[in-house]
Every structure is written in structure tokens, then in C-alpha cells.
Amino acid sequence: MTDEKPKRVNLEELMRGCKKIILQHGKRPYCLTITRRGNLILTSADDDADKQPVADRSPERPTE
């Protein structure tokens, strides 16, 4: 194991104004979402998620 510091990535540059992006890890897609409260959620994306552009998806529904 090395003592190298992990690479730091600016989230604003990665997201480019989007609230959701698909991250490809090997053959598996993952969805990175910024919530209305600014929290990050990483979930396994379904098979259709990587075929549909993120900008075309409907926004998060408000919770009551």
C-alpha cells in the first residue's frame, strides 16, 4: 500500500450543472445524484439509465 493522497475531483466540474450523472465502473453503471439538500447519493443504475441522457430525465419529485 502506498502513502499517495487520493486524487481530488471538483464535483461541479464533474456534474456540469446536472443533478444526476451516470458513472461507468467496469461494465456496471452507477447513478450519482445531488439531492435538493445537497447530499450525494450513489446507486446502481438500471440498464436503461445508461441509454437515456441524464438531462432528459424528469426532476426529483418533492417529498411530503
Foldseek 3Di string as FASTA:
>chain_A
DDPDDDDDDDVCVVQVPAQWDWDQDPPWIWIWGQDPVRDIDIGTDDPCVVVDDRVPDDDDDDDD
